[in-house]
PDB file of N, CA and C in Angstrom:
ATOM      1  N   UNK A   1      94.732  30.835  21.038  1.00  0.00           N
ATOM      2  CA  UNK A   1      94.571  29.872  19.959  1.00  0.00           C
ATOM      3  C   UNK A   1      93.473  28.854  20.296  1.00  0.00           C
ATOM      4  N   UNK A   2      93.439  28.412  21.562  1.00  0.00           N
ATOM      5  CA  UNK A   2      92.408  27.456  21.967  1.00  0.00           C
ATOM      6  C   UNK A   2      91.016  28.052  21.796  1.00  0.00           C
ATOM      7  N   UNK A   3      90.879  29.340  22.082  1.00  0.00           N
ATOM      8  CA  UNK A   3      89.572  29.994  21.941  1.00  0.00           C
ATOM      9  C   UNK A   3      89.122  30.013  20.488  1.00  0.00           C
ATOM     10  N   UNK A   4      90.036  30.240  19.573  1.00  0.00           N
ATOM     11  CA  UNK A   4      89.694  30.270  18.146  1.00  0.00           C
ATOM     12  C   UNK A   4      89.240  28.894  17.686  1.00  0.00           C
ATOM     13  N   UNK A   5      89.946  27.864  18.096  1.00  0.00           N
ATOM     14  CA  UNK A   5      89.572  26.496  17.722  1.00  0.00           C
ATOM     15  C   UNK A   5      88.218  26.141  18.320  1.00  0.00           C
ATOM     16  N   UNK A   6      88.002  26.486  19.574  1.00  0.00           N
ATOM     17  CA  UNK A   6      86.729  26.205  20.232  1.00  0.00           C
ATOM     18  C   UNK A   6      85.588  26.971  19.570  1.00  0.00           C
ATOM     19  N   UNK A   7      85.818  28.220  19.230  1.00  0.00           N
ATOM     20  CA  UNK A   7      84.802  29.022  18.555  1.00  0.00           C
ATOM     21  C   UNK A   7      84.480  28.447  17.178  1.00  0.00           C
ATOM     22  N   UNK A   8      85.494  28.032  16.440  1.00  0.00           N
ATOM     23  CA  UNK A   8      85.272  27.425  15.125  1.00  0.00           C
ATOM     24  C   UNK A   8      84.477  26.131  15.253  1.00  0.00           C
ATOM     25  N   UNK A   9      84.797  25.324  16.244  1.00  0.00           N
ATOM     26  CA  UNK A   9      84.062  24.080  16.480  1.00  0.00           C
ATOM     27  C   UNK A   9      82.607  24.369  16.839  1.00  0.00           C
ATOM     28  N   UNK A  10      82.370  25.384  17.636  1.00  0.00           N
ATOM     29  CA  UNK A  10      81.015  25.771  18.018  1.00  0.00           C
ATOM     30  C   UNK A  10      80.210  26.241  16.810  1.00  0.00           C
ATOM     31  N   UNK A  11      80.816  27.008  15.931  1.00  0.00           N
ATOM     32  CA  UNK A  11      80.133  27.482  14.723  1.00  0.00           C
ATOM     33  C   UNK A  11      79.779  26.312  13.818  1.00  0.00           C
ATOM     34  N   UNK A  12      80.691  25.386  13.642  1.00  0.00           N
ATOM     35  CA  UNK A  12      80.422  24.208  12.813  1.00  0.00           C
ATOM     36  C   UNK A  12      79.308  23.374  13.425  1.00  0.00           C
ATOM     37  N   UNK A  13      79.338  23.176  14.725  1.00  0.00           N
ATOM     38  CA  UNK A  13      78.301  22.383  15.394  1.00  0.00           C
ATOM     39  C   UNK A  13      76.939  23.055  15.294  1.00  0.00           C
ATOM     40  N   UNK A  14      76.897  24.367  15.373  1.00  0.00           N
ATOM     41  CA  UNK A  14      75.622  25.086  15.276  1.00  0.00           C
ATOM     42  C   UNK A  14      75.044  25.005  13.869  1.00  0.00           C
ATOM     43  N   UNK A  15      75.899  24.987  12.868  1.00  0.00           N
ATOM     44  CA  UNK A  15      75.429  24.927  11.484  1.00  0.00           C
ATOM     45  C   UNK A  15      75.111  23.517  11.031  1.00  0.00           C
ATOM     46  N   UNK A  16      75.609  22.519  11.713  1.00  0.00           N
ATOM     47  CA  UNK A  16      75.332  21.129  11.376  1.00  0.00           C
ATOM     48  C   UNK A  16      74.275  20.628  12.342  1.00  0.00           C
ATOM     49  N   UNK A  17      73.057  20.454  11.861  1.00  0.00           N
ATOM     50  CA  UNK A  17      71.972  20.066  12.760  1.00  0.00           C
ATOM     51  C   UNK A  17      72.193  18.659  13.289  1.00  0.00           C
ATOM     52  N   UNK A  18      72.528  17.749  12.426  1.00  0.00           N
ATOM     53  CA  UNK A  18      72.780  16.375  12.826  1.00  0.00           C
ATOM     54  C   UNK A  18      73.987  15.866  12.056  1.00  0.00           C
ATOM     55  N   UNK A  19      74.708  14.963  12.649  1.00  0.00           N
ATOM     56  CA  UNK A  19      75.782  14.283  11.934  1.00  0.00           C
ATOM     57  C   UNK A  19      75.200  12.968  11.457  1.00  0.00           C
ATOM     58  N   UNK A  20      75.138  12.810  10.148  1.00  0.00           N
ATOM     59  CA  UNK A  20      74.513  11.633   9.549  1.00  0.00           C
ATOM     60  C   UNK A  20      75.579  10.644   9.095  1.00  0.00           C
ATOM     61  N   UNK A  21      75.313   9.353   9.264  1.00  0.00           N
ATOM     62  CA  UNK A  21      76.258   8.355   8.761  1.00  0.00           C
ATOM     63  C   UNK A  21      76.238   8.343   7.235  1.00  0.00           C
ATOM     64  N   UNK A  22      77.359   8.012   6.631  1.00  0.00           N
ATOM     65  CA  UNK A  22      77.405   7.953   5.167  1.00  0.00           C
ATOM     66  C   UNK A  22      76.539   6.818   4.636  1.00  0.00           C
ATOM     67  N   UNK A  23      76.352   5.783   5.432  1.00  0.00           N
ATOM     68  CA  UNK A  23      75.498   4.653   5.065  1.00  0.00           C
ATOM     69  C   UNK A  23      74.338   4.601   6.062  1.00  0.00           C
ATOM     70  N   UNK A  24      73.115   4.867   5.592  1.00  0.00           N
ATOM     71  CA  UNK A  24      71.964   4.930   6.503  1.00  0.00           C
ATOM     72  C   UNK A  24      71.638   3.596   7.164  1.00  0.00           C
ATOM     73  N   UNK A  25      72.190   2.500   6.653  1.00  0.00           N
ATOM     74  CA  UNK A  25      71.938   1.213   7.307  1.00  0.00           C
ATOM     75  C   UNK A  25      72.649   1.133   8.659  1.00  0.00           C
ATOM     76  N   UNK A  26      73.586   2.041   8.919  1.00  0.00           N
ATOM     77  CA  UNK A  26      74.289   2.080  10.202  1.00  0.00           C
ATOM     78  C   UNK A  26      73.694   3.137  11.135  1.00  0.00           C
ATOM     79  N   UNK A  27      72.536   3.685  10.786  1.00  0.00           N
ATOM     80  CA  UNK A  27      71.879   4.741  11.565  1.00  0.00           C
ATOM     81  C   UNK A  27      71.570   4.261  12.980  1.00  0.00           C
ATOM     82  N   UNK A  28      71.964   5.056  13.978  1.00  0.00           N
ATOM     83  CA  UNK A  28      71.653   4.772  15.377  1.00  0.00           C
ATOM     84  C   UNK A  28      71.211   6.071  16.031  1.00  0.00           C
ATOM     85  N   UNK A  29      70.340   5.962  17.014  1.00  0.00           N
ATOM     86  CA  UNK A  29      69.851   7.165  17.675  1.00  0.00           C
ATOM     87  C   UNK A  29      69.387   6.827  19.083  1.00  0.00           C
ATOM     88  N   UNK A  30      69.671   7.708  20.026  1.00  0.00           N
ATOM     89  CA  UNK A  30      69.159   7.594  21.388  1.00  0.00           C
ATOM     90  C   UNK A  30      68.018   8.593  21.516  1.00  0.00           C
ATOM     91  N   UNK A  31      66.803   8.108  21.714  1.00  0.00           N
ATOM     92  CA  UNK A  31      65.618   8.972  21.725  1.00  0.00           C
ATOM     93  C   UNK A  31      65.549   9.815  22.990  1.00  0.00           C
ATOM     94  N   UNK A  32      65.459  11.136  22.823  1.00  0.00           N
ATOM     95  CA  UNK A  32      65.351  12.052  23.958  1.00  0.00           C
ATOM     96  C   UNK A  32      63.984  12.720  24.042  1.00  0.00           C
ATOM     97  N   UNK A  33      63.144  12.534  23.031  1.00  0.00           N
ATOM     98  CA  UNK A  33      61.799  13.130  23.051  1.00  0.00           C
ATOM     99  C   UNK A  33      60.787  12.130  22.516  1.00  0.00           C
ATOM    100  N   UNK A  34      60.610  10.986  23.200  1.00  0.00           N
ATOM    101  CA  UNK A  34      59.669   9.989  22.689  1.00  0.00           C
ATOM    102  C   UNK A  34      58.238  10.513  22.702  1.00  0.00           C
ATOM    103  N   UNK A  35      57.514  10.244  21.636  1.00  0.00           N
ATOM    104  CA  UNK A  35      56.116  10.624  21.572  1.00  0.00           C
ATOM    105  C   UNK A  35      55.836  12.064  21.204  1.00  0.00           C
ATOM    106  N   UNK A  36      56.846  12.862  20.950  1.00  0.00           N
ATOM    107  CA  UNK A  36      56.630  14.261  20.583  1.00  0.00           C
ATOM    108  C   UNK A  36      56.605  14.370  19.062  1.00  0.00           C
ATOM    109  N   UNK A  37      55.489  14.863  18.483  1.00  0.00           N
ATOM    110  CA  UNK A  37      55.430  14.960  17.029  1.00  0.00           C
ATOM    111  C   UNK A  37      56.263  16.129  16.520  1.00  0.00           C
ATOM    112  N   UNK A  38      56.913  15.916  15.415  1.00  0.00           N
ATOM    113  CA  UNK A  38      57.705  16.954  14.777  1.00  0.00           C
ATOM    114  C   UNK A  38      57.176  17.125  13.358  1.00  0.00           C
ATOM    115  N   UNK A  39      56.796  18.339  13.002  1.00  0.00           N
ATOM    116  CA  UNK A  39      56.313  18.626  11.655  1.00  0.00           C
ATOM    117  C   UNK A  39      57.506  18.975  10.774  1.00  0.00           C
ATOM    118  N   UNK A  40      57.618  18.292   9.654  1.00  0.00           N
ATOM    119  CA  UNK A  40      58.681  18.574   8.704  1.00  0.00           C
ATOM    120  C   UNK A  40      58.194  19.628   7.719  1.00  0.00           C
ATOM    121  N   UNK A  41      59.104  20.287   7.042  1.00  0.00           N
ATOM    122  CA  UNK A  41      58.714  21.373   6.150  1.00  0.00           C
ATOM    123  C   UNK A  41      57.954  20.904   4.923  1.00  0.00           C
ATOM    124  N   UNK A  42      57.960  19.608   4.637  1.00  0.00           N
ATOM    125  CA  UNK A  42      57.148  19.109   3.521  1.00  0.00           C
ATOM    126  C   UNK A  42      55.759  18.686   4.007  1.00  0.00           C
ATOM    127  N   UNK A  43      55.379  19.125   5.218  1.00  0.00           N
ATOM    128  CA  UNK A  43      54.070  18.892   5.839  1.00  0.00           C
ATOM    129  C   UNK A  43      53.822  17.441   6.243  1.00  0.00           C
ATOM    130  N   UNK A  44      54.854  16.624   6.272  1.00  0.00           N
ATOM    131  CA  UNK A  44      54.741  15.300   6.863  1.00  0.00           C
ATOM    132  C   UNK A  44      55.166  15.434   8.320  1.00  0.00           C
ATOM    133  N   UNK A  45      54.948  14.388   9.106  1.00  0.00           N
ATOM    134  CA  UNK A  45      55.363  14.470  10.498  1.00  0.00           C
ATOM    135  C   UNK A  45      55.918  13.145  10.966  1.00  0.00           C
ATOM    136  N   UNK A  46      56.757  13.230  11.974  1.00  0.00           N
ATOM    137  CA  UNK A  46      57.385  12.061  12.576  1.00  0.00           C
ATOM    138  C   UNK A  46      57.318  12.230  14.086  1.00  0.00           C
ATOM    139  N   UNK A  47      57.505  11.139  14.814  1.00  0.00           N
ATOM    140  CA  UNK A  47      57.510  11.208  16.279  1.00  0.00           C
ATOM    141  C   UNK A  47      58.931  11.147  16.813  1.00  0.00           C
ATOM    142  N   UNK A  48      59.239  12.048  17.729  1.00  0.00           N
ATOM    143  CA  UNK A  48      60.507  12.018  18.441  1.00  0.00           C
ATOM    144  C   UNK A  48      61.681  12.585  17.666  1.00  0.00           C
ATOM    145  N   UNK A  49      62.744  12.853  18.411  1.00  0.00           N
ATOM    146  CA  UNK A  49      63.954  13.396  17.805  1.00  0.00           C
ATOM    147  C   UNK A  49      64.609  12.415  16.845  1.00  0.00           C
ATOM    148  N   UNK A  50      64.508  11.105  17.130  1.00  0.00           N
ATOM    149  CA  UNK A  50      65.109  10.122  16.224  1.00  0.00           C
ATOM    150  C   UNK A  50      64.386  10.113  14.882  1.00  0.00           C
ATOM    151  N   UNK A  51      63.077  10.304  14.911  1.00  0.00           N
ATOM    152  CA  UNK A  51      62.333  10.399  13.661  1.00  0.00           C
ATOM    153  C   UNK A  51      62.755  11.604  12.851  1.00  0.00           C
ATOM    154  N   UNK A  52      62.986  12.727  13.538  1.00  0.00           N
ATOM    155  CA  UNK A  52      63.448  13.938  12.869  1.00  0.00           C
ATOM    156  C   UNK A  52      64.841  13.715  12.294  1.00  0.00           C
ATOM    157  N   UNK A  53      65.715  13.106  13.101  1.00  0.00           N
ATOM    158  CA  UNK A  53      67.079  12.863  12.626  1.00  0.00           C
ATOM    159  C   UNK A  53      67.061  11.931  11.422  1.00  0.00           C
ATOM    160  N   UNK A  54      66.237  10.875  11.465  1.00  0.00           N
ATOM    161  CA  UNK A  54      66.153   9.945  10.336  1.00  0.00           C
ATOM    162  C   UNK A  54      65.679  10.677   9.081  1.00  0.00           C
ATOM    163  N   UNK A  55      64.621  11.494   9.199  1.00  0.00           N
ATOM    164  CA  UNK A  55      64.098  12.233   8.045  1.00  0.00           C
ATOM    165  C   UNK A  55      65.146  13.199   7.503  1.00  0.00           C
ATOM    166  N   UNK A  56      65.881  13.855   8.408  1.00  0.00           N
ATOM    167  CA  UNK A  56      66.933  14.785   8.009  1.00  0.00           C
ATOM    168  C   UNK A  56      68.043  14.058   7.257  1.00  0.00           C
ATOM    169  N   UNK A  57      68.513  12.946   7.820  1.00  0.00           N
ATOM    170  CA  UNK A  57      69.606  12.194   7.192  1.00  0.00           C
ATOM    171  C   UNK A  57      69.169  11.581   5.867  1.00  0.00           C
ATOM    172  N   UNK A  58      67.919  11.134   5.806  1.00  0.00           N
ATOM    173  CA  UNK A  58      67.404  10.572   4.562  1.00  0.00           C
ATOM    174  C   UNK A  58      67.333  11.645   3.479  1.00  0.00           C
ATOM    175  N   UNK A  59      66.903  12.864   3.851  1.00  0.00           N
ATOM    176  CA  UNK A  59      66.852  13.970   2.890  1.00  0.00           C
ATOM    177  C   UNK A  59      68.253  14.348   2.429  1.00  0.00           C
ATOM    178  N   UNK A  60      69.207  14.370   3.366  1.00  0.00           N
ATOM    179  CA  UNK A  60      70.595  14.678   2.979  1.00  0.00           C
ATOM    180  C   UNK A  60      71.139  13.618   2.041  1.00  0.00           C
ATOM    181  N   UNK A  61      70.792  12.349   2.275  1.00  0.00           N
ATOM    182  CA  UNK A  61      71.249  11.272   1.398  1.00  0.00           C
ATOM    183  C   UNK A  61      70.642  11.416   0.006  1.00  0.00           C
ATOM    184  N   UNK A  62      69.440  12.015  -0.071  1.00  0.00           N
ATOM    185  CA  UNK A  62      68.788  12.244  -1.361  1.00  0.00           C
ATOM    186  C   UNK A  62      69.262  13.526  -2.030  1.00  0.00           C
ATOM    187  N   UNK A  63      70.194  14.244  -1.401  1.00  0.00           N
ATOM    188  CA  UNK A  63      70.778  15.427  -2.017  1.00  0.00           C
ATOM    189  C   UNK A  63      70.222  16.757  -1.545  1.00  0.00           C
ATOM    190  N   UNK A  64      69.306  16.759  -0.574  1.00  0.00           N
ATOM    191  CA  UNK A  64      68.784  18.016  -0.038  1.00  0.00           C
ATOM    192  C   UNK A  64      69.797  18.540   0.967  1.00  0.00           C
ATOM    193  N   UNK A  65      70.267  19.769   0.775  1.00  0.00           N
ATOM    194  CA  UNK A  65      71.293  20.322   1.646  1.00  0.00           C
ATOM    195  C   UNK A  65      70.657  21.061   2.818  1.00  0.00           C
ATOM    196  N   UNK A  66      70.888  20.590   4.032  1.00  0.00           N
ATOM    197  CA  UNK A  66      70.418  21.194   5.277  1.00  0.00           C
ATOM    198  C   UNK A  66      68.908  21.425   5.283  1.00  0.00           C
ATOM    199  N   UNK A  67      68.102  20.364   5.195  1.00  0.00           N
ATOM    200  CA  UNK A  67      66.646  20.541   5.183  1.00  0.00           C
ATOM    201  C   UNK A  67      66.137  21.109   6.497  1.00  0.00           C
ATOM    202  N   UNK A  68      65.349  22.200   6.447  1.00  0.00           N
ATOM    203  CA  UNK A  68      64.834  22.784   7.687  1.00  0.00           C
ATOM    204  C   UNK A  68      63.716  21.940   8.282  1.00  0.00           C
ATOM    205  N   UNK A  69      63.598  21.970   9.601  1.00  0.00           N
ATOM    206  CA  UNK A  69      62.600  21.182  10.319  1.00  0.00           C
ATOM    207  C   UNK A  69      61.945  22.085  11.365  1.00  0.00           C
ATOM    208  N   UNK A  70      60.623  22.032  11.480  1.00  0.00           N
ATOM    209  CA  UNK A  70      59.937  22.769  12.544  1.00  0.00           C
ATOM    210  C   UNK A  70      59.262  21.766  13.466  1.00  0.00           C
ATOM    211  N   UNK A  71      58.997  22.160  14.699  1.00  0.00           N
ATOM    212  CA  UNK A  71      58.458  21.211  15.677  1.00  0.00           C
ATOM    213  C   UNK A  71      57.051  21.592  16.121  1.00  0.00           C
ATOM    214  N   UNK A  72      56.346  20.644  16.701  1.00  0.00           N
ATOM    215  CA  UNK A  72      55.017  20.853  17.271  1.00  0.00           C
ATOM    216  C   UNK A  72      55.078  20.446  18.734  1.00  0.00           C
ATOM    217  N   UNK A  73      54.208  21.001  19.565  1.00  0.00           N
ATOM    218  CA  UNK A  73      54.271  20.682  20.989  1.00  0.00           C
ATOM    219  C   UNK A  73      53.191  19.690  21.428  1.00  0.00           C
ATOM    220  N   UNK A  74      52.477  19.058  20.507  1.00  0.00           N
ATOM    221  CA  UNK A  74      51.487  18.042  20.871  1.00  0.00           C
ATOM    222  C   UNK A  74      52.200  16.727  21.182  1.00  0.00           C
ATOM    223  N   UNK A  75      51.450  15.705  21.571  1.00  0.00           N
ATOM    224  CA  UNK A  75      52.033  14.401  21.900  1.00  0.00           C
ATOM    225  C   UNK A  75      51.587  13.378  20.872  1.00  0.00           C
ATOM    226  N   UNK A  76      52.486  12.537  20.382  1.00  0.00           N
ATOM    227  CA  UNK A  76      52.169  11.561  19.331  1.00  0.00           C
ATOM    228  C   UNK A  76      51.321  10.398  19.826  1.00  0.00           C
ATOM    229  N   UNK A  77      51.765   9.742  20.860  1.00  0.00           N
ATOM    230  CA  UNK A  77      51.127   8.497  21.289  1.00  0.00           C
ATOM    231  C   UNK A  77      49.663   8.714  21.651  1.00  0.00           C
ATOM    232  N   UNK A  78      48.774   8.148  20.847  1.00  0.00           N
ATOM    233  CA  UNK A  78      47.354   8.200  21.136  1.00  0.00           C
ATOM    234  C   UNK A  78      46.666   9.509  20.800  1.00  0.00           C
ATOM    235  N   UNK A  79      47.330  10.428  20.137  1.00  0.00           N
ATOM    236  CA  UNK A  79      46.709  11.695  19.762  1.00  0.00           C
ATOM    237  C   UNK A  79      46.587  11.780  18.249  1.00  0.00           C
ATOM    238  N   UNK A  80      45.678  12.621  17.761  1.00  0.00           N
ATOM    239  CA  UNK A  80      45.545  12.749  16.315  1.00  0.00           C
ATOM    240  C   UNK A  80      46.767  13.410  15.686  1.00  0.00           C
ATOM    241  N   UNK A  81      46.861  13.266  14.394  1.00  0.00           N
ATOM    242  CA  UNK A  81      47.963  13.866  13.640  1.00  0.00           C
ATOM    243  C   UNK A  81      47.990  15.377  13.882  1.00  0.00           C
ATOM    244  N   UNK A  82      49.179  15.949  14.124  1.00  0.00           N
ATOM    245  CA  UNK A  82      49.258  17.396  14.344  1.00  0.00           C
ATOM    246  C   UNK A  82      48.986  18.166  13.053  1.00  0.00           C
ATOM    247  N   UNK A  83      48.536  19.395  13.193  1.00  0.00           N
ATOM    248  CA  UNK A  83      48.349  20.265  12.032  1.00  0.00           C
ATOM    249  C   UNK A  83      49.713  20.822  11.639  1.00  0.00           C
ATOM    250  N   UNK A  84      50.211  20.381  10.532  1.00  0.00           N
ATOM    251  CA  UNK A  84      51.540  20.828  10.087  1.00  0.00           C
ATOM    252  C   UNK A  84      51.414  21.904   9.020  1.00  0.00           C
TER     253      UNK A  84
END
């Protein structure tokens, strides 16, 4: 039984990219990839995982269900905008 519960939790976690607060004014994030540009599927870009999480949560708040995100391997700080 424990294995089934653990497997179900793992499937839910894999399908949920980020857990977003219901009120974005309470948004908090611990940055694990500072300065790394992330290209969003609408061809805009943000720096770091927190930027990606913010864009994802903002899109979910606007009604977009599970917006996909792709990443770039360039560095944000002091570099030109990545080609998205």
